[in-house]
Amino acid sequence: MKCGSQLPEMITPVEPSWLKRLLSVMGMEVVVETTRNSLYGRLLEVEHDHVVLQVGPGVAFIRCQQIISVMPIHGS
């Protein structure tokens, strides 16, 4: 019997209510507070494990596990 190599699996808990809230502010200007810093930009995409934020001319891919809070910037 050959022993095949298995790739490690990453398991990311998905919180449906959290994803629903993120989807409700998609396309808006937001502040994303992470474990490292705060980023300001337009929320472009929401996936089960990360979000995509347009920050100036570039984009930032932020793991959901690193997000502490997301707050819409009023007036955007």
PDB file of N, CA and C in Angstrom:
ATOM      1  N   MET A   1       0.838  -1.172   0.000  1.00  0.00           N
ATOM      2  CA  MET A   1       0.000   0.000   0.000  1.00  0.00           C
ATOM      3  C   MET A   1       0.888   1.243   0.000  1.00  0.00           C
ATOM      4  N   LYS A   2       0.662   2.128  -0.961  1.00  0.00           N
ATOM      5  CA  LYS A   2       1.446   3.356  -1.048  1.00  0.00           C
ATOM      6  C   LYS A   2       0.861   4.409  -0.124  1.00  0.00           C
ATOM      7  N   CYS A   3       1.757   5.125   0.488  1.00  0.00           N
ATOM      8  CA  CYS A   3       1.332   6.209   1.381  1.00  0.00           C
ATOM      9  C   CYS A   3       1.349   7.504   0.568  1.00  0.00           C
ATOM     10  N   GLY A   4       0.176   8.019   0.218  1.00  0.00           N
ATOM     11  CA  GLY A   4       0.090   9.249  -0.568  1.00  0.00           C
ATOM     12  C   GLY A   4       0.303  10.470   0.297  1.00  0.00           C
ATOM     13  N   SER A   5       0.812  11.492  -0.317  1.00  0.00           N
ATOM     14  CA  SER A   5       1.015  12.728   0.441  1.00  0.00           C
ATOM     15  C   SER A   5      -0.283  13.513   0.454  1.00  0.00           C
ATOM     16  N   GLN A   6      -0.649  13.963   1.612  1.00  0.00           N
ATOM     17  CA  GLN A   6      -1.852  14.763   1.755  1.00  0.00           C
ATOM     18  C   GLN A   6      -1.465  16.203   2.068  1.00  0.00           C
ATOM     19  N   LEU A   7      -2.176  17.115   1.441  1.00  0.00           N
ATOM     20  CA  LEU A   7      -1.947  18.521   1.719  1.00  0.00           C
ATOM     21  C   LEU A   7      -2.690  18.903   2.986  1.00  0.00           C
ATOM     22  N   PRO A   8      -2.127  19.779   3.790  1.00  0.00           N
ATOM     23  CA  PRO A   8      -2.833  20.205   5.000  1.00  0.00           C
ATOM     24  C   PRO A   8      -4.095  20.981   4.628  1.00  0.00           C
ATOM     25  N   GLU A   9      -5.120  20.828   5.439  1.00  0.00           N
ATOM     26  CA  GLU A   9      -6.372  21.544   5.226  1.00  0.00           C
ATOM     27  C   GLU A   9      -6.487  22.676   6.232  1.00  0.00           C
ATOM     28  N   MET A  10      -6.965  23.815   5.751  1.00  0.00           N
ATOM     29  CA  MET A  10      -7.246  24.920   6.646  1.00  0.00           C
ATOM     30  C   MET A  10      -8.756  24.978   6.823  1.00  0.00           C
ATOM     31  N   ILE A  11      -9.199  24.959   8.035  1.00  0.00           N
ATOM     32  CA  ILE A  11     -10.620  25.034   8.322  1.00  0.00           C
ATOM     33  C   ILE A  11     -10.921  26.427   8.852  1.00  0.00           C
ATOM     34  N   THR A  12     -11.817  27.121   8.155  1.00  0.00           N
ATOM     35  CA  THR A  12     -12.204  28.470   8.545  1.00  0.00           C
ATOM     36  C   THR A  12     -13.656  28.455   8.982  1.00  0.00           C
ATOM     37  N   PRO A  13     -13.922  28.798  10.235  1.00  0.00           N
ATOM     38  CA  PRO A  13     -15.320  28.848  10.660  1.00  0.00           C
ATOM     39  C   PRO A  13     -16.058  29.969   9.921  1.00  0.00           C
ATOM     40  N   VAL A  14     -17.249  29.676   9.451  1.00  0.00           N
ATOM     41  CA  VAL A  14     -18.050  30.664   8.729  1.00  0.00           C
ATOM     42  C   VAL A  14     -19.207  31.076   9.629  1.00  0.00           C
ATOM     43  N   GLU A  15     -19.334  32.362   9.824  1.00  0.00           N
ATOM     44  CA  GLU A  15     -20.417  32.901  10.635  1.00  0.00           C
ATOM     45  C   GLU A  15     -21.413  33.578   9.698  1.00  0.00           C
ATOM     46  N   PRO A  16     -22.538  32.905   9.407  1.00  0.00           N
ATOM     47  CA  PRO A  16     -23.492  33.444   8.432  1.00  0.00           C
ATOM     48  C   PRO A  16     -23.981  34.855   8.751  1.00  0.00           C
ATOM     49  N   SER A  17     -24.228  35.158  10.015  1.00  0.00           N
ATOM     50  CA  SER A  17     -24.723  36.502  10.351  1.00  0.00           C
ATOM     51  C   SER A  17     -23.648  37.562  10.095  1.00  0.00           C
ATOM     52  N   TRP A  18     -22.383  37.226  10.340  1.00  0.00           N
ATOM     53  CA  TRP A  18     -21.271  38.146  10.076  1.00  0.00           C
ATOM     54  C   TRP A  18     -21.146  38.397   8.580  1.00  0.00           C
ATOM     55  N   LEU A  19     -21.222  37.333   7.766  1.00  0.00           N
ATOM     56  CA  LEU A  19     -21.140  37.493   6.314  1.00  0.00           C
ATOM     57  C   LEU A  19     -22.311  38.322   5.795  1.00  0.00           C
ATOM     58  N   LYS A  20     -23.494  38.118   6.365  1.00  0.00           N
ATOM     59  CA  LYS A  20     -24.675  38.883   5.951  1.00  0.00           C
ATOM     60  C   LYS A  20     -24.464  40.369   6.224  1.00  0.00           C
ATOM     61  N   ARG A  21     -23.891  40.688   7.382  1.00  0.00           N
ATOM     62  CA  ARG A  21     -23.607  42.097   7.716  1.00  0.00           C
ATOM     63  C   ARG A  21     -22.577  42.696   6.766  1.00  0.00           C
ATOM     64  N   LEU A  22     -21.529  41.929   6.465  1.00  0.00           N
ATOM     65  CA  LEU A  22     -20.512  42.417   5.535  1.00  0.00           C
ATOM     66  C   LEU A  22     -21.117  42.663   4.150  1.00  0.00           C
ATOM     67  N   LEU A  23     -21.951  41.736   3.698  1.00  0.00           N
ATOM     68  CA  LEU A  23     -22.593  41.898   2.392  1.00  0.00           C
ATOM     69  C   LEU A  23     -23.480  43.137   2.358  1.00  0.00           C
ATOM     70  N   SER A  24     -24.050  43.520   3.500  1.00  0.00           N
ATOM     71  CA  SER A  24     -24.936  44.689   3.544  1.00  0.00           C
ATOM     72  C   SER A  24     -24.180  45.999   3.339  1.00  0.00           C
ATOM     73  N   VAL A  25     -22.862  46.010   3.543  1.00  0.00           N
ATOM     74  CA  VAL A  25     -22.069  47.235   3.345  1.00  0.00           C
ATOM     75  C   VAL A  25     -21.138  47.122   2.133  1.00  0.00           C
ATOM     76  N   MET A  26     -21.299  46.064   1.344  1.00  0.00           N
ATOM     77  CA  MET A  26     -20.462  45.907   0.154  1.00  0.00           C
ATOM     78  C   MET A  26     -20.731  47.064  -0.811  1.00  0.00           C
ATOM     79  N   GLY A  27     -19.676  47.612  -1.376  1.00  0.00           N
ATOM     80  CA  GLY A  27     -19.784  48.755  -2.275  1.00  0.00           C
ATOM     81  C   GLY A  27     -19.697  50.090  -1.565  1.00  0.00           C
ATOM     82  N   MET A  28     -19.722  50.073  -0.232  1.00  0.00           N
ATOM     83  CA  MET A  28     -19.659  51.308   0.556  1.00  0.00           C
ATOM     84  C   MET A  28     -18.235  51.569   1.038  1.00  0.00           C
ATOM     85  N   GLU A  29     -17.989  52.823   1.405  1.00  0.00           N
ATOM     86  CA  GLU A  29     -16.738  53.187   2.059  1.00  0.00           C
ATOM     87  C   GLU A  29     -16.827  52.732   3.513  1.00  0.00           C
ATOM     88  N   VAL A  30     -15.796  52.027   3.971  1.00  0.00           N
ATOM     89  CA  VAL A  30     -15.806  51.470   5.325  1.00  0.00           C
ATOM     90  C   VAL A  30     -14.441  51.635   5.981  1.00  0.00           C
ATOM     91  N   VAL A  31     -14.432  51.478   7.283  1.00  0.00           N
ATOM     92  CA  VAL A  31     -13.199  51.342   8.058  1.00  0.00           C
ATOM     93  C   VAL A  31     -13.167  49.891   8.524  1.00  0.00           C
ATOM     94  N   VAL A  32     -12.089  49.188   8.196  1.00  0.00           N
ATOM     95  CA  VAL A  32     -11.917  47.808   8.640  1.00  0.00           C
ATOM     96  C   VAL A  32     -10.815  47.803   9.693  1.00  0.00           C
ATOM     97  N   GLU A  33     -11.181  47.501  10.928  1.00  0.00           N
ATOM     98  CA  GLU A  33     -10.201  47.402  12.005  1.00  0.00           C
ATOM     99  C   GLU A  33      -9.731  45.954  12.071  1.00  0.00           C
ATOM    100  N   THR A  34      -8.417  45.752  11.952  1.00  0.00           N
ATOM    101  CA  THR A  34      -7.849  44.411  12.001  1.00  0.00           C
ATOM    102  C   THR A  34      -6.968  44.267  13.239  1.00  0.00           C
ATOM    103  N   THR A  35      -6.451  43.075  13.418  1.00  0.00           N
ATOM    104  CA  THR A  35      -5.540  42.832  14.542  1.00  0.00           C
ATOM    105  C   THR A  35      -4.242  43.612  14.382  1.00  0.00           C
ATOM    106  N   ARG A  36      -3.982  44.118  13.180  1.00  0.00           N
ATOM    107  CA  ARG A  36      -2.734  44.842  12.915  1.00  0.00           C
ATOM    108  C   ARG A  36      -2.913  46.353  12.823  1.00  0.00           C
ATOM    109  N   ASN A  37      -3.969  46.802  12.098  1.00  0.00           N
ATOM    110  CA  ASN A  37      -4.188  48.236  11.896  1.00  0.00           C
ATOM    111  C   ASN A  37      -5.611  48.464  11.401  1.00  0.00           C
ATOM    112  N   SER A  38      -5.914  49.700  11.059  1.00  0.00           N
ATOM    113  CA  SER A  38      -7.211  50.032  10.471  1.00  0.00           C
ATOM    114  C   SER A  38      -7.000  50.472   9.033  1.00  0.00           C
ATOM    115  N   LEU A  39      -7.892  50.011   8.157  1.00  0.00           N
ATOM    116  CA  LEU A  39      -7.816  50.360   6.746  1.00  0.00           C
ATOM    117  C   LEU A  39      -9.111  51.047   6.333  1.00  0.00           C
ATOM    118  N   TYR A  40      -8.983  52.084   5.508  1.00  0.00           N
ATOM    119  CA  TYR A  40     -10.123  52.830   5.012  1.00  0.00           C
ATOM    120  C   TYR A  40     -10.230  52.576   3.517  1.00  0.00           C
ATOM    121  N   GLY A  41     -11.430  52.254   3.034  1.00  0.00           N
ATOM    122  CA  GLY A  41     -11.593  52.057   1.604  1.00  0.00           C
ATOM    123  C   GLY A  41     -12.976  51.547   1.261  1.00  0.00           C
ATOM    124  N   ARG A  42     -13.164  51.201  -0.022  1.00  0.00           N
ATOM    125  CA  ARG A  42     -14.444  50.690  -0.516  1.00  0.00           C
ATOM    126  C   ARG A  42     -14.421  49.174  -0.477  1.00  0.00           C
ATOM    127  N   LEU A  43     -15.426  48.590   0.144  1.00  0.00           N
ATOM    128  CA  LEU A  43     -15.530  47.135   0.246  1.00  0.00           C
ATOM    129  C   LEU A  43     -16.002  46.587  -1.096  1.00  0.00           C
ATOM    130  N   LEU A  44     -15.096  45.901  -1.800  1.00  0.00           N
ATOM    131  CA  LEU A  44     -15.388  45.419  -3.149  1.00  0.00           C
ATOM    132  C   LEU A  44     -15.967  44.018  -3.191  1.00  0.00           C
ATOM    133  N   GLU A  45     -15.520  43.154  -2.304  1.00  0.00           N
ATOM    134  CA  GLU A  45     -15.891  41.746  -2.390  1.00  0.00           C
ATOM    135  C   GLU A  45     -15.908  41.125  -0.999  1.00  0.00           C
ATOM    136  N   VAL A  46     -16.833  40.208  -0.786  1.00  0.00           N
ATOM    137  CA  VAL A  46     -16.924  39.479   0.479  1.00  0.00           C
ATOM    138  C   VAL A  46     -16.940  37.993   0.160  1.00  0.00           C
ATOM    139  N   GLU A  47     -15.988  37.253   0.692  1.00  0.00           N
ATOM    140  CA  GLU A  47     -15.925  35.800   0.543  1.00  0.00           C
ATOM    141  C   GLU A  47     -16.030  35.186   1.932  1.00  0.00           C
ATOM    142  N   HIS A  48     -16.139  33.872   2.006  1.00  0.00           N
ATOM    143  CA  HIS A  48     -16.307  33.221   3.312  1.00  0.00           C
ATOM    144  C   HIS A  48     -15.067  33.335   4.191  1.00  0.00           C
ATOM    145  N   ASP A  49     -13.887  33.543   3.586  1.00  0.00           N
ATOM    146  CA  ASP A  49     -12.660  33.599   4.376  1.00  0.00           C
ATOM    147  C   ASP A  49     -11.895  34.917   4.267  1.00  0.00           C
ATOM    148  N   HIS A  50     -12.299  35.808   3.357  1.00  0.00           N
ATOM    149  CA  HIS A  50     -11.595  37.082   3.201  1.00  0.00           C
ATOM    150  C   HIS A  50     -12.501  38.135   2.586  1.00  0.00           C
ATOM    151  N   VAL A  51     -12.071  39.392   2.696  1.00  0.00           N
ATOM    152  CA  VAL A  51     -12.748  40.497   2.023  1.00  0.00           C
ATOM    153  C   VAL A  51     -11.718  41.222   1.166  1.00  0.00           C
ATOM    154  N   VAL A  52     -12.214  41.936   0.157  1.00  0.00           N
ATOM    155  CA  VAL A  52     -11.349  42.726  -0.717  1.00  0.00           C
ATOM    156  C   VAL A  52     -11.748  44.179  -0.541  1.00  0.00           C
ATOM    157  N   LEU A  53     -10.763  44.996  -0.201  1.00  0.00           N
ATOM    158  CA  LEU A  53     -10.985  46.408   0.086  1.00  0.00           C
ATOM    159  C   LEU A  53     -10.155  47.242  -0.878  1.00  0.00           C
ATOM    160  N   GLN A  54     -10.809  48.186  -1.584  1.00  0.00           N
ATOM    161  CA  GLN A  54     -10.068  49.106  -2.441  1.00  0.00           C
ATOM    162  C   GLN A  54      -9.520  50.215  -1.564  1.00  0.00           C
ATOM    163  N   VAL A  55      -8.198  50.302  -1.516  1.00  0.00           N
ATOM    164  CA  VAL A  55      -7.517  51.299  -0.695  1.00  0.00           C
ATOM    165  C   VAL A  55      -6.718  52.181  -1.643  1.00  0.00           C
ATOM    166  N   GLY A  56      -7.234  53.392  -1.892  1.00  0.00           N
ATOM    167  CA  GLY A  56      -6.583  54.263  -2.867  1.00  0.00           C
ATOM    168  C   GLY A  56      -6.589  53.585  -4.227  1.00  0.00           C
ATOM    169  N   PRO A  57      -5.440  53.593  -4.918  1.00  0.00           N
ATOM    170  CA  PRO A  57      -5.389  52.959  -6.238  1.00  0.00           C
ATOM    171  C   PRO A  57      -5.193  51.444  -6.179  1.00  0.00           C
ATOM    172  N   GLY A  58      -4.951  50.897  -4.990  1.00  0.00           N
ATOM    173  CA  GLY A  58      -4.680  49.465  -4.856  1.00  0.00           C
ATOM    174  C   GLY A  58      -5.801  48.731  -4.137  1.00  0.00           C
ATOM    175  N   VAL A  59      -5.579  47.441  -3.931  1.00  0.00           N
ATOM    176  CA  VAL A  59      -6.549  46.632  -3.206  1.00  0.00           C
ATOM    177  C   VAL A  59      -5.845  45.896  -2.069  1.00  0.00           C
ATOM    178  N   ALA A  60      -6.618  45.614  -1.024  1.00  0.00           N
ATOM    179  CA  ALA A  60      -6.108  44.842   0.108  1.00  0.00           C
ATOM    180  C   ALA A  60      -7.004  43.621   0.277  1.00  0.00           C
ATOM    181  N   PHE A  61      -6.393  42.465   0.457  1.00  0.00           N
ATOM    182  CA  PHE A  61      -7.104  41.230   0.734  1.00  0.00           C
ATOM    183  C   PHE A  61      -6.934  40.956   2.226  1.00  0.00           C
ATOM    184  N   ILE A  62      -8.044  40.930   2.961  1.00  0.00           N
ATOM    185  CA  ILE A  62      -7.990  40.826   4.418  1.00  0.00           C
ATOM    186  C   ILE A  62      -8.701  39.555   4.851  1.00  0.00           C
ATOM    187  N   ARG A  63      -7.988  38.710   5.594  1.00  0.00           N
ATOM    188  CA  ARG A  63      -8.599  37.482   6.111  1.00  0.00           C
ATOM    189  C   ARG A  63      -9.647  37.830   7.150  1.00  0.00           C
ATOM    190  N   CYS A  64     -10.789  37.183   7.083  1.00  0.00           N
ATOM    191  CA  CYS A  64     -11.867  37.446   8.040  1.00  0.00           C
ATOM    192  C   CYS A  64     -11.416  37.174   9.467  1.00  0.00           C
ATOM    193  N   GLN A  65     -10.508  36.217   9.648  1.00  0.00           N
ATOM    194  CA  GLN A  65     -10.022  35.901  10.991  1.00  0.00           C
ATOM    195  C   GLN A  65      -9.250  37.059  11.616  1.00  0.00           C
ATOM    196  N   GLN A  66      -8.771  38.003  10.791  1.00  0.00           N
ATOM    197  CA  GLN A  66      -8.017  39.144  11.305  1.00  0.00           C
ATOM    198  C   GLN A  66      -8.884  40.369  11.562  1.00  0.00           C
ATOM    199  N   ILE A  67     -10.160  40.307  11.152  1.00  0.00           N
ATOM    200  CA  ILE A  67     -11.027  41.469  11.280  1.00  0.00           C
ATOM    201  C   ILE A  67     -11.630  41.527  12.684  1.00  0.00           C
ATOM    202  N   ILE A  68     -11.497  42.707  13.302  1.00  0.00           N
ATOM    203  CA  ILE A  68     -12.103  42.959  14.604  1.00  0.00           C
ATOM    204  C   ILE A  68     -13.472  43.604  14.406  1.00  0.00           C
ATOM    205  N   SER A  69     -13.517  44.629  13.528  1.00  0.00           N
ATOM    206  CA  SER A  69     -14.794  45.301  13.270  1.00  0.00           C
ATOM    207  C   SER A  69     -14.774  45.961  11.904  1.00  0.00           C
ATOM    208  N   VAL A  70     -15.966  46.204  11.388  1.00  0.00           N
ATOM    209  CA  VAL A  70     -16.149  46.927  10.128  1.00  0.00           C
ATOM    210  C   VAL A  70     -17.205  47.995  10.375  1.00  0.00           C
ATOM    211  N   MET A  71     -16.892  49.247  10.006  1.00  0.00           N
ATOM    212  CA  MET A  71     -17.838  50.333  10.233  1.00  0.00           C
ATOM    213  C   MET A  71     -17.979  51.157   8.955  1.00  0.00           C
ATOM    214  N   PRO A  72     -19.213  51.325   8.479  1.00  0.00           N
ATOM    215  CA  PRO A  72     -19.407  52.179   7.298  1.00  0.00           C
ATOM    216  C   PRO A  72     -19.054  53.626   7.618  1.00  0.00           C
ATOM    217  N   ILE A  73     -18.525  54.307   6.626  1.00  0.00           N
ATOM    218  CA  ILE A  73     -18.237  55.733   6.754  1.00  0.00           C
ATOM    219  C   ILE A  73     -19.454  56.460   6.188  1.00  0.00           C
ATOM    220  N   HIS A  74     -20.184  57.169   7.026  1.00  0.00           N
ATOM    221  CA  HIS A  74     -21.413  57.847   6.596  1.00  0.00           C
ATOM    222  C   HIS A  74     -21.086  58.946   5.612  1.00  0.00           C
ATOM    223  N   GLY A  75     -21.976  59.116   4.651  1.00  0.00           N
ATOM    224  CA  GLY A  75     -21.794  60.139   3.641  1.00  0.00           C
ATOM    225  C   GLY A  75     -21.089  59.640   2.409  1.00  0.00           C
ATOM    226  N   SER A  76     -20.842  58.299   2.339  1.00  0.00           N
ATOM    227  CA  SER A  76     -20.170  57.770   1.138  1.00  0.00           C
ATOM    228  C   SER A  76     -21.185  57.227   0.173  1.00  0.00           C
TER     229      SER A  76
END
